[in-house]
Amino acid sequence: MIFSALLCDLDLPSDPPVKEDLCNRCNICVESCPVGALNEEGKTDVGKCSLQIQPHGLRGTISFWHKFVDSSPKEQKEMFMDGSFMELWHTGIVRNMYVCFSCRNSCPAGRSNRRE
């Protein structure tokens, strides 16, 4: 789980900022990307990445309802009971729902300090 904020009334000192470049150019992240979003050096193809990392966004919602309209009542009931509908609903409530972290999880930088 990734936290972007922590609210509490404790006096917690922050870690010092990381100033060194941790990337050793091993390309493990590039090789682990399932959609090739990191194939151009130093750049991320945001279009490819977002399709992989946010499958339950607008495109997934449109696809679901298109399939729903063309389905029988029995299939429609099954679609509502399926976990993919709950993921779409949750994404609509919470907003972005990220599911792919292949590049980050494969990166050896800081691995000894990271919980898996």
C-alpha atoms as a PDB file:
ATOM      1  CA  MET A   1       0.000   0.000   0.000  1.00  0.00           C
ATOM      2  CA  ILE A   2       1.223   3.505  -0.787  1.00  0.00           C
ATOM      3  CA  PHE A   3       0.298   6.377   1.526  1.00  0.00           C
ATOM      4  CA  SER A   4       0.397   9.934   0.232  1.00  0.00           C
ATOM      5  CA  ALA A   5      -0.361  11.543   3.594  1.00  0.00           C
ATOM      6  CA  LEU A   6      -0.469  10.720   7.259  1.00  0.00           C
ATOM      7  CA  LEU A   7      -2.603  12.790   9.615  1.00  0.00           C
ATOM      8  CA  CYS A   8      -1.817  12.626  13.305  1.00  0.00           C
ATOM      9  CA  ASP A   9      -0.863  14.870  16.200  1.00  0.00           C
ATOM     10  CA  LEU A  10       2.512  13.216  16.850  1.00  0.00           C
ATOM     11  CA  ASP A  11       5.730  15.141  16.318  1.00  0.00           C
ATOM     12  CA  LEU A  12       7.230  12.988  13.555  1.00  0.00           C
ATOM     13  CA  PRO A  13      10.459  14.125  11.904  1.00  0.00           C
ATOM     14  CA  SER A  14      10.612  13.651   8.148  1.00  0.00           C
ATOM     15  CA  ASP A  15      13.280  11.630   6.395  1.00  0.00           C
ATOM     16  CA  PRO A  16      15.930  13.645   4.611  1.00  0.00           C
ATOM     17  CA  PRO A  17      15.230  14.140   0.885  1.00  0.00           C
ATOM     18  CA  VAL A  18      16.921  11.691  -1.481  1.00  0.00           C
ATOM     19  CA  LYS A  19      19.385  13.713  -3.535  1.00  0.00           C
ATOM     20  CA  GLU A  20      21.383  11.037  -5.336  1.00  0.00           C
ATOM     21  CA  ASP A  21      20.223   9.365  -8.537  1.00  0.00           C
ATOM     22  CA  LEU A  22      19.282   5.826  -7.484  1.00  0.00           C
ATOM     23  CA  CYS A  23      18.857   4.516 -11.028  1.00  0.00           C
ATOM     24  CA  ASN A  24      21.761   2.349 -12.214  1.00  0.00           C
ATOM     25  CA  ARG A  25      20.340   2.039 -15.771  1.00  0.00           C
ATOM     26  CA  CYS A  26      19.814  -1.712 -15.438  1.00  0.00           C
ATOM     27  CA  ASN A  27      16.578  -1.535 -17.523  1.00  0.00           C
ATOM     28  CA  ILE A  28      14.797  -4.044 -15.299  1.00  0.00           C
ATOM     29  CA  CYS A  29      11.850  -1.634 -15.067  1.00  0.00           C
ATOM     30  CA  VAL A  30      11.743  -1.283 -18.862  1.00  0.00           C
ATOM     31  CA  GLU A  31      11.752  -5.047 -19.321  1.00  0.00           C
ATOM     32  CA  SER A  32       9.067  -5.582 -16.675  1.00  0.00           C
ATOM     33  CA  CYS A  33       6.563  -3.115 -18.183  1.00  0.00           C
ATOM     34  CA  PRO A  34       3.762  -5.246 -19.672  1.00  0.00           C
ATOM     35  CA  VAL A  35       2.765  -2.582 -22.236  1.00  0.00           C
ATOM     36  CA  GLY A  36       6.155  -1.172 -23.265  1.00  0.00           C
ATOM     37  CA  ALA A  37       5.440   2.253 -21.780  1.00  0.00           C
ATOM     38  CA  LEU A  38       9.114   2.781 -20.871  1.00  0.00           C
ATOM     39  CA  ASN A  39      10.686   1.843 -24.218  1.00  0.00           C
ATOM     40  CA  GLU A  40      11.883   5.375 -25.081  1.00  0.00           C
ATOM     41  CA  GLU A  41      14.859   6.267 -22.890  1.00  0.00           C
ATOM     42  CA  GLY A  42      14.020   8.745 -20.166  1.00  0.00           C
ATOM     43  CA  LYS A  43      10.335   8.930 -21.062  1.00  0.00           C
ATOM     44  CA  THR A  44       7.102   7.218 -20.114  1.00  0.00           C
ATOM     45  CA  ASP A  45       4.377   6.737 -22.716  1.00  0.00           C
ATOM     46  CA  VAL A  46       1.558   7.950 -20.478  1.00  0.00           C
ATOM     47  CA  GLY A  47      -1.132   6.655 -22.844  1.00  0.00           C
ATOM     48  CA  LYS A  48       0.160   3.088 -22.718  1.00  0.00           C
ATOM     49  CA  CYS A  49       0.836   3.276 -18.985  1.00  0.00           C
ATOM     50  CA  SER A  50      -2.585   4.647 -18.061  1.00  0.00           C
ATOM     51  CA  LEU A  51      -4.390   1.925 -20.007  1.00  0.00           C
ATOM     52  CA  GLN A  52      -2.517  -0.683 -17.975  1.00  0.00           C
ATOM     53  CA  ILE A  53      -2.486   1.015 -14.586  1.00  0.00           C
ATOM     54  CA  GLN A  54      -6.097   2.253 -14.622  1.00  0.00           C
ATOM     55  CA  PRO A  55      -8.158  -0.428 -16.399  1.00  0.00           C
ATOM     56  CA  HIS A  56     -11.301   0.523 -14.487  1.00  0.00           C
ATOM     57  CA  GLY A  57     -11.430   4.155 -15.602  1.00  0.00           C
ATOM     58  CA  LEU A  58     -13.630   5.662 -18.290  1.00  0.00           C
ATOM     59  CA  ARG A  59     -12.631   3.140 -20.968  1.00  0.00           C
ATOM     60  CA  GLY A  60     -13.436   0.183 -18.687  1.00  0.00           C
ATOM     61  CA  THR A  61     -16.764   1.727 -17.678  1.00  0.00           C
ATOM     62  CA  ILE A  62     -17.823   2.306 -21.292  1.00  0.00           C
ATOM     63  CA  SER A  63     -16.808  -1.234 -22.197  1.00  0.00           C
ATOM     64  CA  PHE A  64     -18.791  -2.673 -19.265  1.00  0.00           C
ATOM     65  CA  TRP A  65     -22.005  -0.810 -20.125  1.00  0.00           C
ATOM     66  CA  HIS A  66     -21.671  -1.601 -23.832  1.00  0.00           C
ATOM     67  CA  LYS A  67     -21.435  -5.296 -23.016  1.00  0.00           C
ATOM     68  CA  PHE A  68     -24.226  -4.965 -20.422  1.00  0.00           C
ATOM     69  CA  VAL A  69     -26.706  -3.517 -22.949  1.00  0.00           C
ATOM     70  CA  ASP A  70     -26.049  -6.397 -25.357  1.00  0.00           C
ATOM     71  CA  SER A  71     -26.448  -9.100 -22.684  1.00  0.00           C
ATOM     72  CA  SER A  72     -29.410 -11.184 -21.599  1.00  0.00           C
ATOM     73  CA  PRO A  73     -31.079 -10.460 -18.223  1.00  0.00           C
ATOM     74  CA  LYS A  74     -29.336 -13.514 -16.745  1.00  0.00           C
ATOM     75  CA  GLU A  75     -25.946 -12.336 -18.017  1.00  0.00           C
ATOM     76  CA  GLN A  76     -26.646  -8.814 -16.739  1.00  0.00           C
ATOM     77  CA  LYS A  77     -27.325 -10.174 -13.246  1.00  0.00           C
ATOM     78  CA  GLU A  78     -24.063 -12.147 -13.395  1.00  0.00           C
ATOM     79  CA  MET A  79     -22.200  -9.020 -14.524  1.00  0.00           C
ATOM     80  CA  PHE A  80     -23.470  -7.087 -11.487  1.00  0.00           C
ATOM     81  CA  MET A  81     -22.389  -9.888  -9.168  1.00  0.00           C
ATOM     82  CA  ASP A  82     -18.929 -10.130 -10.757  1.00  0.00           C
ATOM     83  CA  GLY A  83     -15.956  -8.547  -8.997  1.00  0.00           C
ATOM     84  CA  SER A  84     -15.108  -6.443 -12.051  1.00  0.00           C
ATOM     85  CA  PHE A  85     -18.318  -4.433 -11.599  1.00  0.00           C
ATOM     86  CA  MET A  86     -17.371  -3.736  -7.987  1.00  0.00           C
ATOM     87  CA  GLU A  87     -13.941  -2.542  -9.162  1.00  0.00           C
ATOM     88  CA  LEU A  88     -15.619  -0.165 -11.640  1.00  0.00           C
ATOM     89  CA  TRP A  89     -18.002   1.106  -8.965  1.00  0.00           C
ATOM     90  CA  HIS A  90     -15.197   1.569  -6.448  1.00  0.00           C
ATOM     91  CA  THR A  91     -13.118   3.447  -9.012  1.00  0.00           C
ATOM     92  CA  GLY A  92     -16.057   5.766  -9.685  1.00  0.00           C
ATOM     93  CA  ILE A  93     -16.370   6.550  -5.984  1.00  0.00           C
ATOM     94  CA  VAL A  94     -12.690   6.771  -5.047  1.00  0.00           C
ATOM     95  CA  ARG A  95     -11.469   8.033  -8.432  1.00  0.00           C
ATOM     96  CA  ASN A  96      -8.253   6.555  -9.755  1.00  0.00           C
ATOM     97  CA  MET A  97      -7.627   2.909  -8.989  1.00  0.00           C
ATOM     98  CA  TYR A  98      -4.091   1.839  -9.772  1.00  0.00           C
ATOM     99  CA  VAL A  99      -3.401  -1.830 -10.397  1.00  0.00           C
ATOM    100  CA  CYS A 100      -0.029  -2.114 -12.157  1.00  0.00           C
ATOM    101  CA  PHE A 101       3.226  -1.397 -10.392  1.00  0.00           C
ATOM    102  CA  SER A 102       5.475  -3.741 -12.375  1.00  0.00           C
ATOM    103  CA  CYS A 103       8.145  -1.108 -13.006  1.00  0.00           C
ATOM    104  CA  ARG A 104       8.302   0.066  -9.391  1.00  0.00           C
ATOM    105  CA  ASN A 105       8.152  -3.437  -7.948  1.00  0.00           C
ATOM    106  CA  SER A 106      10.947  -4.696 -10.193  1.00  0.00           C
ATOM    107  CA  CYS A 107      13.347  -1.823  -9.426  1.00  0.00           C
ATOM    108  CA  PRO A 108      16.313  -2.938  -7.308  1.00  0.00           C
ATOM    109  CA  ALA A 109      16.958   0.607  -5.996  1.00  0.00           C
ATOM    110  CA  GLY A 110      16.239   0.635  -2.290  1.00  0.00           C
ATOM    111  CA  ARG A 111      14.986  -2.960  -2.298  1.00  0.00           C
ATOM    112  CA  SER A 112      16.684  -3.791   1.002  1.00  0.00           C
ATOM    113  CA  ASN A 113      14.708  -0.976   2.657  1.00  0.00           C
ATOM    114  CA  ARG A 114      11.352  -1.768   1.093  1.00  0.00           C
ATOM    115  CA  ARG A 115       8.624  -3.999   2.441  1.00  0.00           C
ATOM    116  CA  GLU A 116       7.108  -6.283  -0.179  1.00  0.00           C
END
